Amino acid sequence: MVRLSGFAVAMTVLVVVLFAQLEDTLAGSRLNWTKIDFGKKDQRTDNDWVPWSDGDEIPILLSSGTEVRLSLVGGADTEDRGDVEGDIDDEDVYRDGYRTSTGDLEIEISGLKSGPYTVVLISADGEEEDSDSVGTFDVEIDGRQVAGNQMTRSGTDVGFAVSMPIVFSSDGDASTLSLKRTTGEIWLNGLMLTEGARMEHGPIKGEVRFDSLPEKVRETIERELSGYDLDDIDRIASGRRVRYMIEGELDDDLKVELELDENGYLLQRAEDLEIKNLPAAVIRSIKALAPGSDIREVSRLITPRSSVFRVEVKYNGNEVILILLETGALVSRRQ
């Protein structure tokens, strides 16, 4: 997804101190997931995903070094759609895998060491475009229910296909992961697996239609982007957090990007600006900090707690970037 030129820089300014303080702590506790894409033998996958097919005996290496093997068991009419065509990206994960409409889906995971593990399920029919929910299922591990009322989603809402992290324990033997079908047709397109009890995973993005968004999200978009053309809407699931990224554009190529939570609350707004729309205090600061400079590009990042301006100027033959508050106070300067 294309982002505003000033967005990343402004965000970096706001969080760089925090990241510097936490870097040493996080280095020893980063969440390293092994992402496994189910499909036919020799399927193509994005670099982030390990390809796997029923009957494949090649061990899958977890980030800890543990080697596991998977096998498909059960499932009355289980079948694989096959490989997908076109460009290879994360969304291809949702378009193939194993399905059943009469039985359950069961995957045996062998090679596990004793201790806790966390799994995230990917369950969607990426080819079905006409329904919000294809089927429902409960999740059991070794006969114990660990999640209920999960849903296989259609291609129009594939972002909803990522389950919450599910924690289970292994005693060193093989464990059986079961999707117990309750209604309709269910899919298992792949899974993410890591050692330890992890309640957060990296973001998985799915493009969604405007009319499939929650009502409060639609209301916020209509209020914030009145007069803009909608370019892109993505739903991003990460752990227990769901957020939406929405891009809009005016006829003069000025872009805006919103980040909303699932209740429509505005987390941040990043937007391109015309120079004439800069506050007078910001203009005065630019003239004082870089007298005689040529302003090249302006953008603004708004959050519930702050508003900062990113101004790119040509000064003494150099490109200089100023980050300023609405009051004109300087936050950061670099060239």
C-alpha atoms as a PDB file:
ATOM      1  CA  MET A   1       0.000   0.000   0.000  1.00  0.00           C
ATOM      2  CA  VAL A   2       1.399   3.414  -0.926  1.00  0.00           C
ATOM      3  CA  ARG A   3       1.805   5.726   2.035  1.00  0.00           C
ATOM      4  CA  LEU A   4       2.211   9.468   2.320  1.00  0.00           C
ATOM      5  CA  SER A   5       5.761  10.652   1.972  1.00  0.00           C
ATOM      6  CA  GLY A   6       5.691  12.460   5.315  1.00  0.00           C
ATOM      7  CA  PHE A   7       3.876   9.774   7.227  1.00  0.00           C
ATOM      8  CA  ALA A   8       6.772   7.439   7.986  1.00  0.00           C
ATOM      9  CA  VAL A   9       9.123  10.274   8.873  1.00  0.00           C
ATOM     10  CA  ALA A  10       6.690  11.935  11.238  1.00  0.00           C
ATOM     11  CA  MET A  11       5.943   8.646  12.966  1.00  0.00           C
ATOM     12  CA  THR A  12       9.656   7.959  13.313  1.00  0.00           C
ATOM     13  CA  VAL A  13      10.149  11.279  15.061  1.00  0.00           C
ATOM     14  CA  LEU A  14       7.400  10.545  17.553  1.00  0.00           C
ATOM     15  CA  VAL A  15       8.558   7.056  18.519  1.00  0.00           C
ATOM     16  CA  VAL A  16      12.311   7.027  17.971  1.00  0.00           C
ATOM     17  CA  VAL A  17      13.103   7.687  21.640  1.00  0.00           C
ATOM     18  CA  LEU A  18      10.769   4.915  22.786  1.00  0.00           C
ATOM     19  CA  PHE A  19      12.281   2.406  20.377  1.00  0.00           C
ATOM     20  CA  ALA A  20      15.768   3.331  21.482  1.00  0.00           C
ATOM     21  CA  GLN A  21      14.865   2.643  25.101  1.00  0.00           C
ATOM     22  CA  LEU A  22      13.168  -0.675  24.360  1.00  0.00           C
ATOM     23  CA  GLU A  23      15.469  -2.064  21.693  1.00  0.00           C
ATOM     24  CA  ASP A  24      17.624  -4.154  24.035  1.00  0.00           C
ATOM     25  CA  THR A  25      14.580  -5.608  25.791  1.00  0.00           C
ATOM     26  CA  LEU A  26      12.741  -6.448  22.592  1.00  0.00           C
ATOM     27  CA  ALA A  27      15.755  -8.070  20.977  1.00  0.00           C
ATOM     28  CA  GLY A  28      15.395 -11.059  23.274  1.00  0.00           C
ATOM     29  CA  SER A  29      11.633 -11.390  23.003  1.00  0.00           C
ATOM     30  CA  ARG A  30      10.665 -10.790  19.364  1.00  0.00           C
ATOM     31  CA  LEU A  31       7.794 -12.953  18.153  1.00  0.00           C
ATOM     32  CA  ASN A  32       9.159 -15.194  15.436  1.00  0.00           C
ATOM     33  CA  TRP A  33       6.381 -17.095  13.697  1.00  0.00           C
ATOM     34  CA  THR A  34       6.757 -19.892  11.190  1.00  0.00           C
ATOM     35  CA  LYS A  35       4.075 -19.228   8.547  1.00  0.00           C
ATOM     36  CA  ILE A  36       2.902 -22.334   6.675  1.00  0.00           C
ATOM     37  CA  ASP A  37       0.828 -22.133   3.485  1.00  0.00           C
ATOM     38  CA  PHE A  38      -1.230 -25.225   2.600  1.00  0.00           C
ATOM     39  CA  GLY A  39      -1.632 -26.164  -1.055  1.00  0.00           C
ATOM     40  CA  LYS A  40      -0.648 -28.618  -3.737  1.00  0.00           C
ATOM     41  CA  LYS A  41       2.858 -30.048  -4.044  1.00  0.00           C
ATOM     42  CA  ASP A  42       5.421 -27.657  -5.510  1.00  0.00           C
ATOM     43  CA  GLN A  43       3.104 -24.698  -5.021  1.00  0.00           C
ATOM     44  CA  ARG A  44       4.493 -21.195  -5.268  1.00  0.00           C
ATOM     45  CA  THR A  45       4.508 -19.099  -2.105  1.00  0.00           C
ATOM     46  CA  ASP A  46       5.615 -15.695  -0.951  1.00  0.00           C
ATOM     47  CA  ASN A  47       9.018 -15.612   0.757  1.00  0.00           C
ATOM     48  CA  ASP A  48       7.432 -15.278   4.212  1.00  0.00           C
ATOM     49  CA  TRP A  49       5.555 -18.582   3.885  1.00  0.00           C
ATOM     50  CA  VAL A  50       6.690 -22.216   3.964  1.00  0.00           C
ATOM     51  CA  PRO A  51       4.803 -24.342   1.386  1.00  0.00           C
ATOM     52  CA  TRP A  52       3.246 -27.584   2.635  1.00  0.00           C
ATOM     53  CA  SER A  53       1.074 -30.258   1.031  1.00  0.00           C
ATOM     54  CA  ASP A  54      -0.530 -33.439   2.378  1.00  0.00           C
ATOM     55  CA  GLY A  55       1.987 -36.251   2.217  1.00  0.00           C
ATOM     56  CA  ASP A  56       4.966 -33.896   2.292  1.00  0.00           C
ATOM     57  CA  GLU A  57       7.521 -35.466   4.650  1.00  0.00           C
ATOM     58  CA  ILE A  58       9.974 -32.549   4.613  1.00  0.00           C
ATOM     59  CA  PRO A  59      10.422 -31.190   8.169  1.00  0.00           C
ATOM     60  CA  ILE A  60       9.375 -27.616   8.865  1.00  0.00           C
ATOM     61  CA  LEU A  61      11.845 -25.605  10.939  1.00  0.00           C
ATOM     62  CA  LEU A  62      10.494 -23.378  13.703  1.00  0.00           C
ATOM     63  CA  SER A  63      12.439 -20.246  14.599  1.00  0.00           C
ATOM     64  CA  SER A  64      13.690 -21.973  17.779  1.00  0.00           C
ATOM     65  CA  GLY A  65      15.291 -24.740  15.717  1.00  0.00           C
ATOM     66  CA  THR A  66      12.640 -27.365  16.467  1.00  0.00           C
ATOM     67  CA  GLU A  67      11.753 -29.487  13.421  1.00  0.00           C
ATOM     68  CA  VAL A  68       8.084 -30.440  13.075  1.00  0.00           C
ATOM     69  CA  ARG A  69       6.139 -32.454  10.516  1.00  0.00           C
ATOM     70  CA  LEU A  70       2.495 -32.097   9.525  1.00  0.00           C
ATOM     71  CA  SER A  71       0.028 -34.662   8.258  1.00  0.00           C
ATOM     72  CA  LEU A  72      -3.609 -34.309   7.221  1.00  0.00           C
ATOM     73  CA  VAL A  73      -5.969 -36.782   8.893  1.00  0.00           C
ATOM     74  CA  GLY A  74      -9.755 -37.170   8.842  1.00  0.00           C
ATOM     75  CA  GLY A  75     -12.061 -34.969   6.781  1.00  0.00           C
ATOM     76  CA  ALA A  76     -14.886 -36.674   4.909  1.00  0.00           C
ATOM     77  CA  ASP A  77     -14.492 -34.845   1.599  1.00  0.00           C
ATOM     78  CA  THR A  78     -11.300 -32.897   2.162  1.00  0.00           C
ATOM     79  CA  GLU A  79      -9.761 -31.513  -1.007  1.00  0.00           C
ATOM     80  CA  ASP A  80      -7.198 -28.931  -2.082  1.00  0.00           C
ATOM     81  CA  ARG A  81      -8.136 -26.241  -4.590  1.00  0.00           C
ATOM     82  CA  GLY A  82      -4.575 -26.277  -5.951  1.00  0.00           C
ATOM     83  CA  ASP A  83      -2.078 -23.535  -6.564  1.00  0.00           C
ATOM     84  CA  VAL A  84      -3.127 -19.969  -7.302  1.00  0.00           C
ATOM     85  CA  GLU A  85      -2.296 -17.987 -10.411  1.00  0.00           C
ATOM     86  CA  GLY A  86      -0.939 -14.495 -10.851  1.00  0.00           C
ATOM     87  CA  ASP A  87       1.314 -12.478  -8.574  1.00  0.00           C
ATOM     88  CA  ILE A  88       2.610 -14.145  -5.432  1.00  0.00           C
ATOM     89  CA  ASP A  89       1.772 -12.324  -2.199  1.00  0.00           C
ATOM     90  CA  ASP A  90       0.324 -12.953   1.261  1.00  0.00           C
ATOM     91  CA  GLU A  91      -3.253 -12.805  -0.042  1.00  0.00           C
ATOM     92  CA  ASP A  92      -2.625 -15.949  -2.097  1.00  0.00           C
ATOM     93  CA  VAL A  93      -2.619 -17.876   1.188  1.00  0.00           C
ATOM     94  CA  TYR A  94      -6.393 -17.390   1.404  1.00  0.00           C
ATOM     95  CA  ARG A  95      -7.120 -18.812  -2.028  1.00  0.00           C
ATOM     96  CA  ASP A  96      -6.054 -22.451  -1.696  1.00  0.00           C
ATOM     97  CA  GLY A  97      -5.791 -25.069   1.033  1.00  0.00           C
ATOM     98  CA  TYR A  98      -8.008 -27.829   2.401  1.00  0.00           C
ATOM     99  CA  ARG A  99     -11.795 -27.773   2.654  1.00  0.00           C
ATOM    100  CA  THR A 100     -14.678 -29.926   3.760  1.00  0.00           C
ATOM    101  CA  SER A 101     -18.451 -29.501   3.773  1.00  0.00           C
ATOM    102  CA  THR A 102     -19.393 -32.781   5.487  1.00  0.00           C
ATOM    103  CA  GLY A 103     -16.663 -33.592   8.021  1.00  0.00           C
ATOM    104  CA  ASP A 104     -13.917 -32.064  10.105  1.00  0.00           C
ATOM    105  CA  LEU A 105     -10.393 -30.922   9.243  1.00  0.00           C
ATOM    106  CA  GLU A 106      -7.572 -32.412  11.311  1.00  0.00           C
ATOM    107  CA  ILE A 107      -3.836 -31.749  11.168  1.00  0.00           C
ATOM    108  CA  GLU A 108      -1.358 -33.812  13.193  1.00  0.00           C
ATOM    109  CA  ILE A 109       1.765 -31.927  14.276  1.00  0.00           C
ATOM    110  CA  SER A 110       4.652 -34.200  15.247  1.00  0.00           C
ATOM    111  CA  GLY A 111       8.158 -33.423  16.467  1.00  0.00           C
ATOM    112  CA  LEU A 112       7.023 -30.971  19.128  1.00  0.00           C
ATOM    113  CA  LYS A 113       9.154 -30.627  22.249  1.00  0.00           C
ATOM    114  CA  SER A 114       7.591 -30.389  25.700  1.00  0.00           C
ATOM    115  CA  GLY A 115       6.228 -26.955  26.475  1.00  0.00           C
ATOM    116  CA  PRO A 116       3.752 -24.323  25.316  1.00  0.00           C
ATOM    117  CA  TYR A 117       3.063 -23.397  21.692  1.00  0.00           C
ATOM    118  CA  THR A 118       0.829 -20.856  19.985  1.00  0.00           C
ATOM    119  CA  VAL A 119      -0.982 -21.344  16.687  1.00  0.00           C
ATOM    120  CA  VAL A 120      -2.895 -18.861  14.513  1.00  0.00           C
ATOM    121  CA  LEU A 121      -5.270 -20.337  11.926  1.00  0.00           C
ATOM    122  CA  ILE A 122      -5.902 -19.018   8.419  1.00  0.00           C
ATOM    123  CA  SER A 123      -9.424 -19.954   7.271  1.00  0.00           C
ATOM    124  CA  ALA A 124     -11.004 -18.392   4.180  1.00  0.00           C
ATOM    125  CA  ASP A 125     -12.479 -19.209   0.797  1.00  0.00           C
ATOM    126  CA  GLY A 126     -10.538 -16.684  -1.244  1.00  0.00           C
ATOM    127  CA  GLU A 127     -12.511 -17.472  -4.410  1.00  0.00           C
ATOM    128  CA  GLU A 128     -15.990 -17.035  -2.929  1.00  0.00           C
ATOM    129  CA  GLU A 129     -17.146 -13.431  -3.344  1.00  0.00           C
ATOM    130  CA  ASP A 130     -20.844 -13.566  -2.516  1.00  0.00           C
ATOM    131  CA  SER A 131     -21.075 -14.382   1.181  1.00  0.00           C
ATOM    132  CA  ASP A 132     -19.631 -12.998   4.393  1.00  0.00           C
ATOM    133  CA  SER A 133     -19.405 -16.366   6.161  1.00  0.00           C
ATOM    134  CA  VAL A 134     -18.821 -19.675   4.388  1.00  0.00           C
ATOM    135  CA  GLY A 135     -18.944 -21.922   7.466  1.00  0.00           C
ATOM    136  CA  THR A 136     -18.328 -22.149  11.207  1.00  0.00           C
ATOM    137  CA  PHE A 137     -16.254 -24.474  13.366  1.00  0.00           C
ATOM    138  CA  ASP A 138     -14.871 -25.095  16.830  1.00  0.00           C
ATOM    139  CA  VAL A 139     -11.169 -25.708  17.400  1.00  0.00           C
ATOM    140  CA  GLU A 140      -9.888 -28.657  19.429  1.00  0.00           C
ATOM    141  CA  ILE A 141      -6.320 -29.657  20.247  1.00  0.00           C
ATOM    142  CA  ASP A 142      -5.864 -33.236  21.408  1.00  0.00           C
ATOM    143  CA  GLY A 143      -9.601 -33.504  22.019  1.00  0.00           C
ATOM    144  CA  ARG A 144      -9.843 -30.358  24.168  1.00  0.00           C
ATOM    145  CA  GLN A 145     -11.790 -27.380  22.838  1.00  0.00           C
ATOM    146  CA  VAL A 146      -9.587 -24.284  22.738  1.00  0.00           C
ATOM    147  CA  ALA A 147     -11.742 -21.949  20.616  1.00  0.00           C
ATOM    148  CA  GLY A 148     -15.406 -21.869  19.669  1.00  0.00           C
ATOM    149  CA  ASN A 149     -17.562 -20.380  16.928  1.00  0.00           C
ATOM    150  CA  GLN A 150     -14.730 -19.605  14.504  1.00  0.00           C
ATOM    151  CA  MET A 151     -15.614 -18.692  10.919  1.00  0.00           C
ATOM    152  CA  THR A 152     -14.361 -19.439   7.445  1.00  0.00           C
ATOM    153  CA  ARG A 153     -14.784 -16.167   5.594  1.00  0.00           C
ATOM    154  CA  SER A 154     -15.295 -15.369   1.941  1.00  0.00           C
ATOM    155  CA  GLY A 155     -12.860 -13.580  -0.330  1.00  0.00           C
ATOM    156  CA  THR A 156     -14.590 -10.252   0.201  1.00  0.00           C
ATOM    157  CA  ASP A 157     -13.558 -10.244   3.870  1.00  0.00           C
ATOM    158  CA  VAL A 158     -10.391 -12.326   3.933  1.00  0.00           C
ATOM    159  CA  GLY A 159      -8.941 -10.099   6.651  1.00  0.00           C
ATOM    160  CA  PHE A 160     -11.383 -11.728   9.057  1.00  0.00           C
ATOM    161  CA  ALA A 161      -9.878 -15.158   8.367  1.00  0.00           C
ATOM    162  CA  VAL A 162      -7.059 -14.838  10.905  1.00  0.00           C
ATOM    163  CA  SER A 163      -7.936 -16.454  14.223  1.00  0.00           C
ATOM    164  CA  MET A 164      -6.903 -15.170  17.607  1.00  0.00           C
ATOM    165  CA  PRO A 165      -3.674 -16.742  18.898  1.00  0.00           C
ATOM    166  CA  ILE A 166      -4.474 -20.176  20.385  1.00  0.00           C
ATOM    167  CA  VAL A 167      -2.132 -21.449  23.118  1.00  0.00           C
ATOM    168  CA  PHE A 168      -1.664 -25.171  23.791  1.00  0.00           C
ATOM    169  CA  SER A 169       0.862 -27.384  25.565  1.00  0.00           C
ATOM    170  CA  SER A 170       2.766 -30.389  24.272  1.00  0.00           C
ATOM    171  CA  ASP A 171       4.168 -33.213  26.364  1.00  0.00           C
ATOM    172  CA  GLY A 172       6.629 -34.079  23.631  1.00  0.00           C
ATOM    173  CA  ASP A 173       4.288 -36.279  21.615  1.00  0.00           C
ATOM    174  CA  ALA A 174       2.376 -35.419  18.452  1.00  0.00           C
ATOM    175  CA  SER A 175      -0.620 -33.094  18.833  1.00  0.00           C
ATOM    176  CA  THR A 176      -3.773 -33.131  16.704  1.00  0.00           C
ATOM    177  CA  LEU A 177      -5.341 -29.828  15.671  1.00  0.00           C
ATOM    178  CA  SER A 178      -9.019 -30.269  14.757  1.00  0.00           C
ATOM    179  CA  LEU A 179     -11.443 -27.905  13.077  1.00  0.00           C
ATOM    180  CA  LYS A 180     -14.806 -29.352  14.136  1.00  0.00           C
ATOM    181  CA  ARG A 181     -17.292 -28.216  11.499  1.00  0.00           C
ATOM    182  CA  THR A 182     -20.601 -26.920  12.860  1.00  0.00           C
ATOM    183  CA  THR A 183     -22.150 -25.291   9.768  1.00  0.00           C
ATOM    184  CA  GLY A 184     -21.448 -24.877   6.067  1.00  0.00           C
ATOM    185  CA  GLU A 185     -18.133 -25.325   4.300  1.00  0.00           C
ATOM    186  CA  ILE A 186     -14.888 -24.774   6.205  1.00  0.00           C
ATOM    187  CA  TRP A 187     -11.350 -24.159   4.981  1.00  0.00           C
ATOM    188  CA  LEU A 188      -7.879 -24.439   6.472  1.00  0.00           C
ATOM    189  CA  ASN A 189      -5.555 -22.460   4.211  1.00  0.00           C
ATOM    190  CA  GLY A 190      -2.546 -22.488   6.493  1.00  0.00           C
ATOM    191  CA  LEU A 191      -1.333 -21.650   9.960  1.00  0.00           C
ATOM    192  CA  MET A 192       1.283 -19.736  11.908  1.00  0.00           C
ATOM    193  CA  LEU A 193       3.150 -21.586  14.667  1.00  0.00           C
ATOM    194  CA  THR A 194       5.645 -20.528  17.327  1.00  0.00           C
ATOM    195  CA  GLU A 195       7.004 -21.900  20.574  1.00  0.00           C
ATOM    196  CA  GLY A 196       5.849 -20.224  23.782  1.00  0.00           C
ATOM    197  CA  ALA A 197       2.590 -18.587  24.839  1.00  0.00           C
ATOM    198  CA  ARG A 198       2.282 -15.642  22.454  1.00  0.00           C
ATOM    199  CA  MET A 199      -0.769 -13.379  22.344  1.00  0.00           C
ATOM    200  CA  GLU A 200       0.508 -11.143  19.543  1.00  0.00           C
ATOM    201  CA  HIS A 201       1.503 -11.863  15.969  1.00  0.00           C
ATOM    202  CA  GLY A 202       2.677  -9.826  13.036  1.00  0.00           C
ATOM    203  CA  PRO A 203       0.004  -8.039  11.034  1.00  0.00           C
ATOM    204  CA  ILE A 204      -1.855  -9.879   8.295  1.00  0.00           C
ATOM    205  CA  LYS A 205      -3.512  -7.614   5.777  1.00  0.00           C
ATOM    206  CA  GLY A 206      -6.609  -8.169   3.700  1.00  0.00           C
ATOM    207  CA  GLU A 207      -8.229  -5.721   1.283  1.00  0.00           C
ATOM    208  CA  VAL A 208     -11.942  -5.162   1.958  1.00  0.00           C
ATOM    209  CA  ARG A 209     -14.849  -3.421   0.300  1.00  0.00           C
ATOM    210  CA  PHE A 210     -16.418  -0.278   1.734  1.00  0.00           C
ATOM    211  CA  ASP A 211     -19.860  -1.871   2.080  1.00  0.00           C
ATOM    212  CA  SER A 212     -18.411  -4.741   4.157  1.00  0.00           C
ATOM    213  CA  LEU A 213     -16.958  -2.384   6.814  1.00  0.00           C
ATOM    214  CA  PRO A 214     -18.547  -1.992  10.259  1.00  0.00           C
ATOM    215  CA  GLU A 215     -21.094   0.820  10.346  1.00  0.00           C
ATOM    216  CA  LYS A 216     -19.035   3.053  12.663  1.00  0.00           C
ATOM    217  CA  VAL A 217     -15.983   2.678  10.417  1.00  0.00           C
ATOM    218  CA  ARG A 218     -18.017   3.705   7.370  1.00  0.00           C
ATOM    219  CA  GLU A 219     -19.366   6.746   9.228  1.00  0.00           C
ATOM    220  CA  THR A 220     -15.886   7.937  10.150  1.00  0.00           C
ATOM    221  CA  ILE A 221     -14.633   7.493   6.592  1.00  0.00           C
ATOM    222  CA  GLU A 222     -17.575   9.456   5.188  1.00  0.00           C
ATOM    223  CA  ARG A 223     -16.944  12.255   7.697  1.00  0.00           C
ATOM    224  CA  GLU A 224     -13.160  12.437   7.326  1.00  0.00           C
ATOM    225  CA  LEU A 225     -12.893  11.847   3.581  1.00  0.00           C
ATOM    226  CA  SER A 226     -15.807  13.873   2.238  1.00  0.00           C
ATOM    227  CA  GLY A 227     -14.821  14.961  -1.261  1.00  0.00           C
ATOM    228  CA  TYR A 228     -11.980  12.442  -1.573  1.00  0.00           C
ATOM    229  CA  ASP A 229     -11.841   9.444  -3.905  1.00  0.00           C
ATOM    230  CA  LEU A 230     -11.230   6.187  -2.006  1.00  0.00           C
ATOM    231  CA  ASP A 231      -8.119   4.453  -3.338  1.00  0.00           C
ATOM    232  CA  ASP A 232      -7.596   1.531  -0.987  1.00  0.00           C
ATOM    233  CA  ILE A 233      -9.112  -0.025   2.156  1.00  0.00           C
ATOM    234  CA  ASP A 234      -7.185  -2.630   4.151  1.00  0.00           C
ATOM    235  CA  ARG A 235      -8.113  -4.528   7.277  1.00  0.00           C
ATOM    236  CA  ILE A 236      -5.074  -5.448   9.385  1.00  0.00           C
ATOM    237  CA  ALA A 237      -5.313  -8.129  12.077  1.00  0.00           C
ATOM    238  CA  SER A 238      -2.481  -8.325  14.596  1.00  0.00           C
ATOM    239  CA  GLY A 239      -2.975 -10.374  17.747  1.00  0.00           C
ATOM    240  CA  ARG A 240      -6.170  -9.147  19.406  1.00  0.00           C
ATOM    241  CA  ARG A 241      -6.066  -5.805  17.596  1.00  0.00           C
ATOM    242  CA  VAL A 242      -7.986  -4.979  14.433  1.00  0.00           C
ATOM    243  CA  ARG A 243      -7.493  -1.737  12.532  1.00  0.00           C
ATOM    244  CA  TYR A 244      -8.335  -0.277   9.154  1.00  0.00           C
ATOM    245  CA  MET A 245      -6.083   1.715   6.816  1.00  0.00           C
ATOM    246  CA  ILE A 246      -7.944   3.864   4.291  1.00  0.00           C
ATOM    247  CA  GLU A 247      -6.426   5.960   1.495  1.00  0.00           C
ATOM    248  CA  GLY A 248      -8.126   8.862  -0.228  1.00  0.00           C
ATOM    249  CA  GLU A 249      -7.051  11.273  -2.964  1.00  0.00           C
ATOM    250  CA  LEU A 250      -8.181  14.648  -4.273  1.00  0.00           C
ATOM    251  CA  ASP A 251      -8.141  15.690  -7.911  1.00  0.00           C
ATOM    252  CA  ASP A 252      -4.944  17.692  -7.321  1.00  0.00           C
ATOM    253  CA  ASP A 253      -3.162  14.510  -6.137  1.00  0.00           C
ATOM    254  CA  LEU A 254      -3.212  15.470  -2.468  1.00  0.00           C
ATOM    255  CA  LYS A 255      -3.454  12.225  -0.521  1.00  0.00           C
ATOM    256  CA  VAL A 256      -4.716  11.347   2.928  1.00  0.00           C
ATOM    257  CA  GLU A 257      -4.474   8.127   4.931  1.00  0.00           C
ATOM    258  CA  LEU A 258      -6.632   7.244   7.919  1.00  0.00           C
ATOM    259  CA  GLU A 259      -6.015   4.618  10.559  1.00  0.00           C
ATOM    260  CA  LEU A 260      -9.179   3.542  12.409  1.00  0.00           C
ATOM    261  CA  ASP A 261      -9.977   0.925  15.007  1.00  0.00           C
ATOM    262  CA  GLU A 262     -12.878  -1.504  14.541  1.00  0.00           C
ATOM    263  CA  ASN A 263     -15.235   0.921  16.324  1.00  0.00           C
ATOM    264  CA  GLY A 264     -14.470   3.725  13.889  1.00  0.00           C
ATOM    265  CA  TYR A 265     -12.247   5.631  16.327  1.00  0.00           C
ATOM    266  CA  LEU A 266      -9.677   7.764  14.492  1.00  0.00           C
ATOM    267  CA  LEU A 267      -6.208   6.642  15.570  1.00  0.00           C
ATOM    268  CA  GLN A 268      -4.341   8.914  13.167  1.00  0.00           C
ATOM    269  CA  ARG A 269      -4.696  10.911   9.994  1.00  0.00           C
ATOM    270  CA  ALA A 270      -1.770  11.591   7.652  1.00  0.00           C
ATOM    271  CA  GLU A 271      -2.358  14.063   4.842  1.00  0.00           C
ATOM    272  CA  ASP A 272      -0.586  16.062   2.152  1.00  0.00           C
ATOM    273  CA  LEU A 273      -1.075  19.827   2.397  1.00  0.00           C
ATOM    274  CA  GLU A 274      -0.725  22.820   0.145  1.00  0.00           C
ATOM    275  CA  ILE A 275       1.789  25.377   1.391  1.00  0.00           C
ATOM    276  CA  LYS A 276      -0.934  28.029   1.723  1.00  0.00           C
ATOM    277  CA  ASN A 277      -2.642  25.869   4.368  1.00  0.00           C
ATOM    278  CA  LEU A 278       0.296  25.896   6.795  1.00  0.00           C
ATOM    279  CA  PRO A 279      -0.420  27.729  10.082  1.00  0.00           C
ATOM    280  CA  ALA A 280       1.151  31.178  10.349  1.00  0.00           C
ATOM    281  CA  ALA A 281       3.247  30.039  13.328  1.00  0.00           C
ATOM    282  CA  VAL A 282       4.740  27.231  11.258  1.00  0.00           C
ATOM    283  CA  ILE A 283       5.537  29.615   8.385  1.00  0.00           C
ATOM    284  CA  ARG A 284       7.320  31.964  10.793  1.00  0.00           C
ATOM    285  CA  SER A 285       9.404  29.107  12.180  1.00  0.00           C
ATOM    286  CA  ILE A 286      10.412  27.956   8.693  1.00  0.00           C
ATOM    287  CA  LYS A 287      11.568  31.487   7.833  1.00  0.00           C
ATOM    288  CA  ALA A 288      13.570  31.690  11.060  1.00  0.00           C
ATOM    289  CA  LEU A 289      15.111  28.208  10.831  1.00  0.00           C
ATOM    290  CA  ALA A 290      15.824  28.246   7.085  1.00  0.00           C
ATOM    291  CA  PRO A 291      15.668  31.845   5.829  1.00  0.00           C
ATOM    292  CA  GLY A 292      15.223  32.164   2.094  1.00  0.00           C
ATOM    293  CA  SER A 293      14.537  28.453   1.671  1.00  0.00           C
ATOM    294  CA  ASP A 294      12.259  26.985  -0.971  1.00  0.00           C
ATOM    295  CA  ILE A 295       9.431  24.856   0.476  1.00  0.00           C
ATOM    296  CA  ARG A 296       9.145  21.666  -1.581  1.00  0.00           C
ATOM    297  CA  GLU A 297       6.645  19.401   0.217  1.00  0.00           C
ATOM    298  CA  VAL A 298       4.310  19.629   3.204  1.00  0.00           C
ATOM    299  CA  SER A 299       2.345  16.983   5.126  1.00  0.00           C
ATOM    300  CA  ARG A 300       0.681  16.664   8.516  1.00  0.00           C
ATOM    301  CA  LEU A 301       0.161  13.805  10.971  1.00  0.00           C
ATOM    302  CA  ILE A 302      -2.763  14.125  13.381  1.00  0.00           C
ATOM    303  CA  THR A 303      -3.401  11.826  16.353  1.00  0.00           C
ATOM    304  CA  PRO A 304      -5.844  12.233  19.240  1.00  0.00           C
ATOM    305  CA  ARG A 305      -3.008  13.788  21.273  1.00  0.00           C
ATOM    306  CA  SER A 306      -0.895  15.738  18.817  1.00  0.00           C
ATOM    307  CA  SER A 307      -0.522  17.326  15.420  1.00  0.00           C
ATOM    308  CA  VAL A 308       2.847  17.702  13.700  1.00  0.00           C
ATOM    309  CA  PHE A 309       3.894  19.091  10.328  1.00  0.00           C
ATOM    310  CA  ARG A 310       6.619  17.676   8.106  1.00  0.00           C
ATOM    311  CA  VAL A 311       8.122  20.320   5.870  1.00  0.00           C
ATOM    312  CA  GLU A 312      10.745  19.574   3.234  1.00  0.00           C
ATOM    313  CA  VAL A 313      12.735  22.624   2.103  1.00  0.00           C
ATOM    314  CA  LYS A 314      15.680  23.384  -0.163  1.00  0.00           C
ATOM    315  CA  TYR A 315      18.137  25.396   1.945  1.00  0.00           C
ATOM    316  CA  ASN A 316      21.709  26.378   1.021  1.00  0.00           C
ATOM    317  CA  GLY A 317      21.743  23.679  -1.642  1.00  0.00           C
ATOM    318  CA  ASN A 318      20.612  20.925   0.766  1.00  0.00           C
ATOM    319  CA  GLU A 319      17.341  19.080   1.326  1.00  0.00           C
ATOM    320  CA  VAL A 320      16.271  19.849   4.900  1.00  0.00           C
ATOM    321  CA  ILE A 321      13.325  18.219   6.681  1.00  0.00           C
ATOM    322  CA  LEU A 322      11.679  20.063   9.573  1.00  0.00           C
ATOM    323  CA  ILE A 323       9.173  18.495  11.958  1.00  0.00           C
ATOM    324  CA  LEU A 324       7.156  21.230  13.667  1.00  0.00           C
ATOM    325  CA  LEU A 325       4.257  21.496  16.095  1.00  0.00           C
ATOM    326  CA  GLU A 326       1.238  23.669  15.291  1.00  0.00           C
ATOM    327  CA  THR A 327       2.745  26.316  17.545  1.00  0.00           C
ATOM    328  CA  GLY A 328       5.822  26.413  15.327  1.00  0.00           C
ATOM    329  CA  ALA A 329       8.012  24.694  17.933  1.00  0.00           C
ATOM    330  CA  LEU A 330      10.748  22.551  16.356  1.00  0.00           C
ATOM    331  CA  VAL A 331      10.530  18.817  17.062  1.00  0.00           C
ATOM    332  CA  SER A 332      13.259  17.617  14.723  1.00  0.00           C
ATOM    333  CA  ARG A 333      15.551  18.835  11.967  1.00  0.00           C
ATOM    334  CA  ARG A 334      17.616  16.708   9.604  1.00  0.00           C
ATOM    335  CA  GLN A 335      19.260  16.910   6.196  1.00  0.00           C
END
